[in-house]
Amino acid sequence: MSLTHYLLVGACLFCIGLYVALTKRNAIQILIGIELMLNAGILNLVAFGKFDKAANGGQLFALFAIVLAAATTAVALAIILNVYRRYKTIDPNKVDKLKG
């Protein structure tokens, strides 16, 4: 496979994630869309790292991005659970008050 194939898969994955993040009304589905976009970026980093024989920077950046993605997902799920506990919904449009 060439670099173009990896970049096309990454672009398709990013577009699917963007569509999911913009069209869904469920906070968990929006989080899944954001994760798809992040995974597309990680795929591009790994692809560039594979085809760059001089350095392994792409793989190191991808590993760092995966660790950050795991941490942000844990924080986002904790926030979603707290919002659900308080408002009994995970629809972001129905949560209109953050205090009170």
Protein backbone atom coordinates (compact mmCIF):
# COMPACT_ATOMS: atom_id res chain seq x y z
CA MET A 1 0.00 0.00 0.00
CA SER A 2 1.18 3.49 -0.75
CA LEU A 3 0.96 6.61 1.39
CA THR A 4 -2.01 7.80 -0.67
CA HIS A 5 -4.07 4.79 0.37
CA TYR A 6 -3.45 5.46 4.05
CA LEU A 7 -4.30 9.14 3.63
CA LEU A 8 -7.54 8.31 1.80
CA VAL A 9 -8.60 5.94 4.58
CA GLY A 10 -7.72 8.61 7.14
CA ALA A 11 -9.71 11.24 5.22
CA CYS A 12 -12.74 8.93 4.98
CA LEU A 13 -12.52 8.13 8.69
CA PHE A 14 -12.27 11.83 9.54
CA CYS A 15 -15.30 12.67 7.37
CA ILE A 16 -17.37 9.92 8.99
CA GLY A 17 -16.38 11.17 12.44
CA LEU A 18 -17.22 14.75 11.52
CA TYR A 19 -20.63 13.67 10.21
CA VAL A 20 -21.35 11.71 13.39
CA ALA A 21 -20.22 14.55 15.65
CA LEU A 22 -22.35 17.14 13.84
CA THR A 23 -25.56 15.17 13.31
CA LYS A 24 -26.09 13.12 16.47
CA ARG A 25 -28.00 14.36 19.50
CA ASN A 26 -26.60 11.86 21.95
CA ALA A 27 -23.51 12.93 23.91
CA ILE A 28 -21.95 9.47 23.70
CA GLN A 29 -22.40 9.35 19.92
CA ILE A 30 -20.82 12.79 19.64
CA LEU A 31 -17.88 11.50 21.69
CA ILE A 32 -17.58 8.52 19.32
CA GLY A 33 -17.45 10.91 16.35
CA ILE A 34 -14.69 12.92 17.98
CA GLU A 35 -12.75 9.72 18.67
CA LEU A 36 -13.10 8.71 15.02
CA MET A 37 -11.61 12.04 13.96
CA LEU A 38 -8.76 11.61 16.43
CA ASN A 39 -8.10 8.10 15.15
CA ALA A 40 -7.92 9.46 11.59
CA GLY A 41 -5.20 11.85 12.70
CA ILE A 42 -3.34 9.03 14.46
CA LEU A 43 -3.55 6.91 11.31
CA ASN A 44 -1.99 9.75 9.31
CA LEU A 45 0.82 10.11 11.85
CA VAL A 46 1.61 6.41 11.69
CA ALA A 47 1.45 6.42 7.87
CA PHE A 48 3.87 9.34 7.63
CA GLY A 49 6.13 7.65 10.16
CA LYS A 50 6.11 4.41 8.16
CA PHE A 51 7.17 6.09 4.94
CA ASP A 52 9.76 8.36 6.57
CA LYS A 53 12.78 6.10 6.94
CA ALA A 54 14.94 8.73 8.68
CA ALA A 55 12.95 9.00 11.93
CA ASN A 56 10.25 7.30 13.93
CA GLY A 57 8.58 10.54 14.96
CA GLY A 58 5.19 9.56 13.54
CA GLN A 59 4.90 6.50 15.75
CA LEU A 60 5.98 8.43 18.85
CA PHE A 61 3.45 11.19 18.20
CA ALA A 62 0.77 8.57 17.55
CA LEU A 63 1.53 6.83 20.84
CA PHE A 64 1.34 10.15 22.68
CA ALA A 65 -1.98 10.95 20.95
CA ILE A 66 -3.43 7.55 21.90
CA VAL A 67 -2.53 8.10 25.56
CA LEU A 68 -4.12 11.55 25.49
CA ALA A 69 -7.22 10.18 23.74
CA ALA A 70 -7.67 7.55 26.44
CA ALA A 71 -7.38 10.17 29.18
CA THR A 72 -9.81 12.57 27.53
CA THR A 73 -12.30 9.78 26.90
CA ALA A 74 -12.25 8.83 30.56
CA VAL A 75 -12.84 12.44 31.60
CA ALA A 76 -15.60 12.92 29.00
CA LEU A 77 -17.42 9.76 30.09
CA ALA A 78 -17.24 10.89 33.72
CA ILE A 79 -18.75 14.24 32.75
CA ILE A 80 -21.49 12.54 30.73
CA LEU A 81 -22.34 10.26 33.66
CA ASN A 82 -22.58 13.22 36.04
CA VAL A 83 -24.78 15.14 33.59
CA TYR A 84 -27.04 12.10 33.22
CA ARG A 85 -27.27 11.69 36.98
CA ARG A 86 -28.41 15.29 37.37
CA TYR A 87 -30.62 15.83 34.30
CA LYS A 88 -31.67 12.24 33.42
CA THR A 89 -30.73 12.82 29.77
CA ILE A 90 -27.61 12.80 27.64
CA ASP A 91 -29.06 15.02 24.91
CA PRO A 92 -26.80 18.11 24.86
CA ASN A 93 -29.67 20.32 23.65
CA LYS A 94 -31.82 19.53 26.71
CA VAL A 95 -29.09 20.40 29.19
CA ASP A 96 -29.53 24.15 29.26
CA LYS A 97 -28.53 25.00 32.83
CA LEU A 98 -25.12 24.22 34.24
CA LYS A 99 -25.77 25.76 37.64
CA GLY A 100 -28.85 25.79 39.79
